[in-house]
Amino acid sequence: MKSARRQWAAWAFLAPVVIYLVAFYAYPLYRNLDLSLRLYTVRSFVRGGAPFSGLDNYRTVLSDPTFGPALTHTVLFTLISLVFQFSIGMALAVFFRHNFRLSATLRALFLVPWLLPLIVSASTWSWMLNSDSGVVNWVLGSLKVNWLTSPDWSLASVIIANIWIGIPFNLVVLYSGLQAIPAELYEAAALDGATGWKTFWRITFPLLRPVSAITLLLGLVYTLKVFDIIWIMTKGGPVDSSTTFATWSYRLSFGSLLPKFGPGAAVGNLLIVMALIFGLLYIRIQRRQNA
């Protein structure tokens, strides 16, 4: 009787989590997969009864001229953002590890980009990078750049904005990891004559590797699906020069009078597969390091 009661109690505690995962993760994934395998119209989307089309939506997406540029932009947007977010976040975390006057205040100020709603951040960057009245071109003077309206600069513009927004997350996580490193190790390194760079590469970076790995993984998953910033600033243009899988999926599904729900869901599933591949790769690397 006690064993049965414990099992029922365990299931009772698990029930809210299971219901939440099914309602907000499993069902949306199933629904998106179903959308990508059927030929949906607005009418069938509301009433149901869409015919099964197999992998036709995926073939349509892969043969679309937008696929290649969108994939390239997604990879560039993600990798460049991660490199600069992590590097700057790491530099700031190491800098703030040394307590000084107003260090706590400065750390709090660095969190502002992370705390602001994305629509506010994106709108602010749109104003700053405006070709005619933006503060960035005003500072550059005669070296004016059409940040948001030039195919050569639109992707760089949204990358800059995304880097600014992602730095605080890297700073907070890496700073927390640094706090867990014993101060005695740095004192012993100083007695052995280790310089700042040697201390970083021989002590800080190796001991911070697990935290760095999870920071990069979370940043990767978040950056892959960034939509708000790009859509508000450039809408994926001009001429698809800043289109990523996230903005392309939205435009296919909701960006025209004749929405293509199937191809839009297919693009979304490709994005999920990319995130899943990197997640599995991270798990495999962690297992090798712990072996």
Protein backbone atom coordinates (compact mmCIF):
# COMPACT_ATOMS: atom_id res chain seq x y z
CA MET A 1 0.00 0.00 0.00
CA LYS A 2 2.82 2.41 0.83
CA SER A 3 4.54 1.66 -2.46
CA ALA A 4 1.33 2.29 -4.41
CA ARG A 5 0.73 5.57 -2.57
CA ARG A 6 4.26 6.70 -3.34
CA GLN A 7 3.77 5.92 -7.04
CA TRP A 8 0.49 7.84 -7.13
CA ALA A 9 2.13 10.74 -5.30
CA ALA A 10 5.00 10.74 -7.79
CA TRP A 11 2.59 10.79 -10.74
CA ALA A 12 0.60 13.56 -9.09
CA PHE A 13 3.72 15.71 -8.87
CA LEU A 14 4.70 14.84 -12.45
CA ALA A 15 1.25 15.48 -13.91
CA PRO A 16 1.52 19.31 -14.14
CA VAL A 17 4.89 19.07 -15.90
CA VAL A 18 3.67 16.38 -18.31
CA ILE A 19 0.52 18.36 -19.13
CA TYR A 20 2.59 21.49 -19.72
CA LEU A 21 5.07 19.68 -22.02
CA VAL A 22 2.29 18.03 -24.01
CA ALA A 23 0.24 21.22 -24.36
CA PHE A 24 3.04 23.64 -25.19
CA TYR A 25 5.71 21.45 -26.81
CA ALA A 26 4.47 18.08 -28.06
CA TYR A 27 1.19 19.24 -29.59
CA PRO A 28 2.65 22.32 -31.36
CA LEU A 29 5.43 20.14 -32.82
CA TYR A 30 2.87 17.58 -34.00
CA ARG A 31 0.68 20.33 -35.43
CA ASN A 32 3.59 21.90 -37.28
CA LEU A 33 4.63 18.52 -38.69
CA ASP A 34 1.05 17.89 -39.83
CA LEU A 35 0.95 21.30 -41.52
CA SER A 36 4.12 20.54 -43.43
CA LEU A 37 2.75 17.22 -44.75
CA ARG A 38 -0.59 18.52 -46.04
CA LEU A 39 -1.82 20.95 -48.67
CA TYR A 40 -3.48 23.60 -46.52
CA THR A 41 -5.49 26.58 -47.70
CA VAL A 42 -7.16 29.23 -45.56
CA ARG A 43 -10.42 27.32 -45.73
CA SER A 44 -8.95 23.92 -44.86
CA PHE A 45 -6.82 25.54 -42.14
CA VAL A 46 -10.02 26.67 -40.39
CA ARG A 47 -12.37 23.80 -41.23
CA GLY A 48 -9.90 20.94 -41.61
CA GLY A 49 -9.81 18.30 -44.32
CA ALA A 50 -6.55 19.31 -46.01
CA PRO A 51 -5.32 16.59 -48.39
CA PHE A 52 -2.12 14.70 -47.56
CA SER A 53 0.75 15.84 -49.79
CA GLY A 54 3.71 13.91 -48.35
CA LEU A 55 7.03 15.67 -48.82
CA ASP A 56 5.80 18.03 -51.56
CA ASN A 57 6.06 21.06 -49.28
CA TYR A 58 9.67 20.22 -48.48
CA ARG A 59 10.47 19.79 -52.17
CA THR A 60 8.86 23.16 -52.84
CA VAL A 61 10.98 24.81 -50.17
CA LEU A 62 14.25 23.17 -51.24
CA SER A 63 13.71 24.15 -54.89
CA ASP A 64 12.75 27.73 -54.04
CA PRO A 65 15.37 30.35 -55.07
CA THR A 66 15.07 31.87 -51.59
CA PHE A 67 16.29 28.69 -49.86
CA GLY A 68 20.01 29.14 -50.57
CA PRO A 69 20.28 32.80 -49.51
CA ALA A 70 18.04 32.21 -46.47
CA LEU A 71 20.22 29.30 -45.32
CA THR A 72 23.40 31.36 -45.83
CA HIS A 73 21.95 34.33 -43.96
CA THR A 74 20.76 32.10 -41.11
CA VAL A 75 24.23 30.56 -40.70
CA LEU A 76 26.04 33.91 -40.93
CA PHE A 77 23.60 35.65 -38.61
CA THR A 78 23.95 32.87 -36.03
CA LEU A 79 27.72 32.33 -36.13
CA ILE A 80 28.76 35.99 -36.23
CA SER A 81 26.34 36.87 -33.45
CA LEU A 82 27.58 34.00 -31.26
CA VAL A 83 31.27 34.83 -31.77
CA PHE A 84 30.90 38.49 -30.83
CA GLN A 85 28.35 37.96 -28.06
CA PHE A 86 30.49 35.31 -26.40
CA SER A 87 33.80 37.16 -26.86
CA ILE A 88 32.51 40.50 -25.55
CA GLY A 89 30.53 38.79 -22.78
CA MET A 90 33.63 36.88 -21.69
CA ALA A 91 35.79 40.01 -21.72
CA LEU A 92 33.24 41.89 -19.62
CA ALA A 93 32.82 38.97 -17.20
CA VAL A 94 36.59 38.83 -16.60
CA PHE A 95 36.68 42.60 -16.23
CA PHE A 96 33.88 42.67 -13.65
CA ARG A 97 35.43 39.80 -11.71
CA HIS A 98 37.69 42.39 -10.11
CA ASN A 99 35.51 44.34 -7.73
CA PHE A 100 35.85 48.11 -7.84
CA ARG A 101 33.72 51.11 -7.06
CA LEU A 102 30.46 51.20 -9.09
CA SER A 103 31.12 47.72 -10.55
CA ALA A 104 27.70 46.49 -9.42
CA THR A 105 26.04 49.57 -10.94
CA LEU A 106 27.81 49.09 -14.25
CA ARG A 107 26.84 45.40 -14.34
CA ALA A 108 23.23 46.39 -13.78
CA LEU A 109 23.41 48.91 -16.63
CA PHE A 110 24.76 46.24 -18.97
CA LEU A 111 21.59 44.24 -18.32
CA VAL A 112 19.35 46.94 -19.82
CA PRO A 113 19.45 45.57 -23.42
CA TRP A 114 18.42 42.16 -22.10
CA LEU A 115 15.54 43.55 -20.03
CA LEU A 116 14.03 45.75 -22.74
CA PRO A 117 11.25 44.30 -24.91
CA LEU A 118 12.64 43.25 -28.29
CA ILE A 119 10.25 45.55 -30.14
CA VAL A 120 11.70 48.52 -28.23
CA SER A 121 15.31 47.46 -28.91
CA ALA A 122 14.66 46.82 -32.61
CA SER A 123 12.79 50.12 -33.03
CA THR A 124 15.63 51.97 -31.31
CA TRP A 125 18.23 50.43 -33.60
CA SER A 126 16.05 51.21 -36.62
CA TRP A 127 16.08 54.86 -35.61
CA MET A 128 19.82 54.86 -34.87
CA LEU A 129 20.66 53.27 -38.24
CA ASN A 130 18.27 55.40 -40.25
CA SER A 131 20.03 56.62 -43.40
CA ASP A 132 18.84 60.24 -43.16
CA SER A 133 18.30 61.03 -39.47
CA GLY A 134 20.10 58.23 -37.64
CA VAL A 135 22.67 59.01 -34.97
CA VAL A 136 25.14 56.47 -36.42
CA ASN A 137 25.39 58.25 -39.78
CA TRP A 138 25.53 61.57 -37.94
CA VAL A 139 28.63 60.32 -36.09
CA LEU A 140 30.16 58.96 -39.30
CA GLY A 141 29.73 62.31 -41.02
CA SER A 142 30.54 62.07 -44.72
CA LEU A 143 30.89 58.26 -44.53
CA LYS A 144 27.15 57.72 -44.58
CA VAL A 145 25.85 54.16 -45.02
CA ASN A 146 22.38 52.99 -46.02
CA TRP A 147 22.25 50.51 -43.18
CA LEU A 148 18.67 49.26 -43.53
CA THR A 149 17.96 49.91 -47.20
CA SER A 150 21.14 48.61 -48.82
CA PRO A 151 21.41 44.90 -49.71
CA ASP A 152 25.08 45.07 -48.72
CA TRP A 153 24.44 46.34 -45.19
CA SER A 154 20.99 45.13 -44.08
CA LEU A 155 22.24 41.79 -42.72
CA ALA A 156 25.12 43.51 -40.92
CA SER A 157 22.61 45.92 -39.34
CA VAL A 158 20.46 43.21 -37.79
CA ILE A 159 23.56 41.30 -36.67
CA ILE A 160 24.85 44.39 -34.83
CA ALA A 161 21.50 44.83 -33.08
CA ASN A 162 21.35 41.15 -32.12
CA ILE A 163 24.90 41.21 -30.74
CA TRP A 164 24.01 44.19 -28.54
CA ILE A 165 20.95 42.39 -27.20
CA GLY A 166 22.76 39.09 -26.54
CA ILE A 167 25.85 40.41 -24.72
CA PRO A 168 24.13 40.76 -21.29
CA PHE A 169 23.04 37.09 -21.30
CA ASN A 170 26.62 35.93 -21.94
CA LEU A 171 27.92 38.36 -19.33
CA VAL A 172 25.56 37.12 -16.60
CA VAL A 173 26.12 33.39 -17.20
CA LEU A 174 29.90 33.63 -17.63
CA TYR A 175 30.25 35.96 -14.63
CA SER A 176 28.36 33.41 -12.50
CA GLY A 177 30.74 30.71 -13.71
CA LEU A 178 33.76 32.83 -12.84
CA GLN A 179 32.48 33.28 -9.30
CA ALA A 180 32.68 29.51 -8.82
CA ILE A 181 36.43 29.37 -9.59
CA PRO A 182 38.42 29.34 -6.32
CA ALA A 183 40.49 32.47 -5.74
CA GLU A 184 43.33 30.27 -4.39
CA LEU A 185 44.09 29.09 -7.93
CA TYR A 186 44.77 32.64 -9.08
CA GLU A 187 46.89 33.31 -6.01
CA ALA A 188 48.98 30.20 -6.69
CA ALA A 189 49.36 31.21 -10.35
CA ALA A 190 50.50 34.68 -9.31
CA LEU A 191 53.13 33.17 -7.01
CA ASP A 192 54.39 31.08 -9.93
CA GLY A 193 54.75 34.23 -12.01
CA ALA A 194 51.82 33.66 -14.37
CA THR A 195 50.75 36.74 -16.33
CA GLY A 196 47.19 37.79 -17.10
CA TRP A 197 46.96 35.95 -20.44
CA LYS A 198 48.56 32.78 -19.10
CA THR A 199 46.18 32.83 -16.13
CA PHE A 200 43.22 33.18 -18.46
CA TRP A 201 44.24 30.40 -20.86
CA ARG A 202 45.55 27.97 -18.22
CA ILE A 203 43.00 28.51 -15.42
CA THR A 204 39.99 30.63 -16.31
CA PHE A 205 39.10 29.30 -19.74
CA PRO A 206 39.57 25.55 -19.00
CA LEU A 207 37.56 25.71 -15.75
CA LEU A 208 34.90 27.80 -17.46
CA ARG A 209 34.51 25.33 -20.35
CA PRO A 210 31.28 23.63 -19.14
CA VAL A 211 29.61 27.01 -18.54
CA SER A 212 30.90 28.28 -21.89
CA ALA A 213 29.47 25.25 -23.67
CA ILE A 214 25.96 25.66 -22.27
CA THR A 215 26.13 29.42 -22.91
CA LEU A 216 27.00 28.85 -26.56
CA LEU A 217 24.31 26.18 -26.93
CA LEU A 218 21.57 28.35 -25.47
CA GLY A 219 22.77 31.31 -27.52
CA LEU A 220 22.75 29.14 -30.64
CA VAL A 221 19.19 27.92 -30.12
CA TYR A 222 17.97 31.43 -29.36
CA THR A 223 19.78 33.07 -32.30
CA LEU A 224 18.57 30.49 -34.82
CA LYS A 225 14.97 31.45 -34.16
CA VAL A 226 15.40 35.23 -33.91
CA PHE A 227 12.52 36.83 -35.75
CA ASP A 228 11.42 40.03 -34.00
CA ILE A 229 14.59 42.04 -34.54
CA ILE A 230 14.94 41.22 -38.24
CA TRP A 231 11.26 41.69 -39.05
CA ILE A 232 10.98 45.05 -37.29
CA MET A 233 14.22 46.44 -38.73
CA THR A 234 14.24 45.16 -42.32
CA LYS A 235 11.40 42.61 -42.79
CA GLY A 236 14.02 40.40 -44.41
CA GLY A 237 14.78 42.88 -47.16
CA PRO A 238 15.70 44.61 -49.22
CA VAL A 239 15.56 41.95 -51.95
CA ASP A 240 15.79 39.15 -49.34
CA SER A 241 19.24 40.37 -48.33
CA SER A 242 18.52 39.79 -44.63
CA THR A 243 15.99 36.95 -44.92
CA THR A 244 16.57 34.01 -42.56
CA PHE A 245 14.61 30.81 -42.07
CA ALA A 246 12.59 32.43 -39.27
CA THR A 247 11.46 35.43 -41.33
CA TRP A 248 10.95 33.30 -44.45
CA SER A 249 8.72 30.87 -42.56
CA TYR A 250 6.59 33.73 -41.24
CA ARG A 251 6.35 35.39 -44.64
CA LEU A 252 5.24 32.17 -46.30
CA SER A 253 2.59 31.47 -43.69
CA PHE A 254 1.24 34.94 -42.92
CA GLY A 255 2.93 37.49 -45.17
CA SER A 256 0.62 37.40 -48.20
CA LEU A 257 -3.06 37.29 -49.14
CA LEU A 258 -2.62 33.65 -50.21
CA PRO A 259 -0.69 32.12 -47.31
CA LYS A 260 1.32 28.95 -47.86
CA PHE A 261 0.94 27.22 -44.51
CA GLY A 262 2.56 23.97 -45.66
CA PRO A 263 5.84 25.41 -46.99
CA GLY A 264 5.99 27.82 -44.04
CA ALA A 265 5.70 24.92 -41.59
CA ALA A 266 8.33 22.99 -43.59
CA VAL A 267 10.81 25.85 -43.19
CA GLY A 268 10.03 25.96 -39.47
CA ASN A 269 10.70 22.23 -39.18
CA LEU A 270 14.05 22.64 -40.95
CA LEU A 271 14.93 25.25 -38.34
CA ILE A 272 13.97 22.82 -35.56
CA VAL A 273 16.13 20.11 -37.13
CA MET A 274 19.11 22.49 -37.24
CA ALA A 275 18.70 23.31 -33.54
CA LEU A 276 18.28 19.60 -32.71
CA ILE A 277 21.47 18.67 -34.57
CA PHE A 278 23.51 21.23 -32.64
CA GLY A 279 21.90 20.13 -29.38
CA LEU A 280 22.81 16.48 -29.98
CA LEU A 281 26.31 17.54 -30.99
CA TYR A 282 26.67 19.40 -27.70
CA ILE A 283 25.52 16.35 -25.70
CA ARG A 284 28.01 14.13 -27.54
CA ILE A 285 30.90 16.54 -26.88
CA GLN A 286 29.98 16.77 -23.19
CA ARG A 287 29.91 12.98 -22.88
CA ARG A 288 33.38 12.72 -24.45
CA GLN A 289 34.76 15.33 -22.06
CA ASN A 290 33.25 13.59 -19.03
CA ALA A 291 34.42 10.14 -20.13
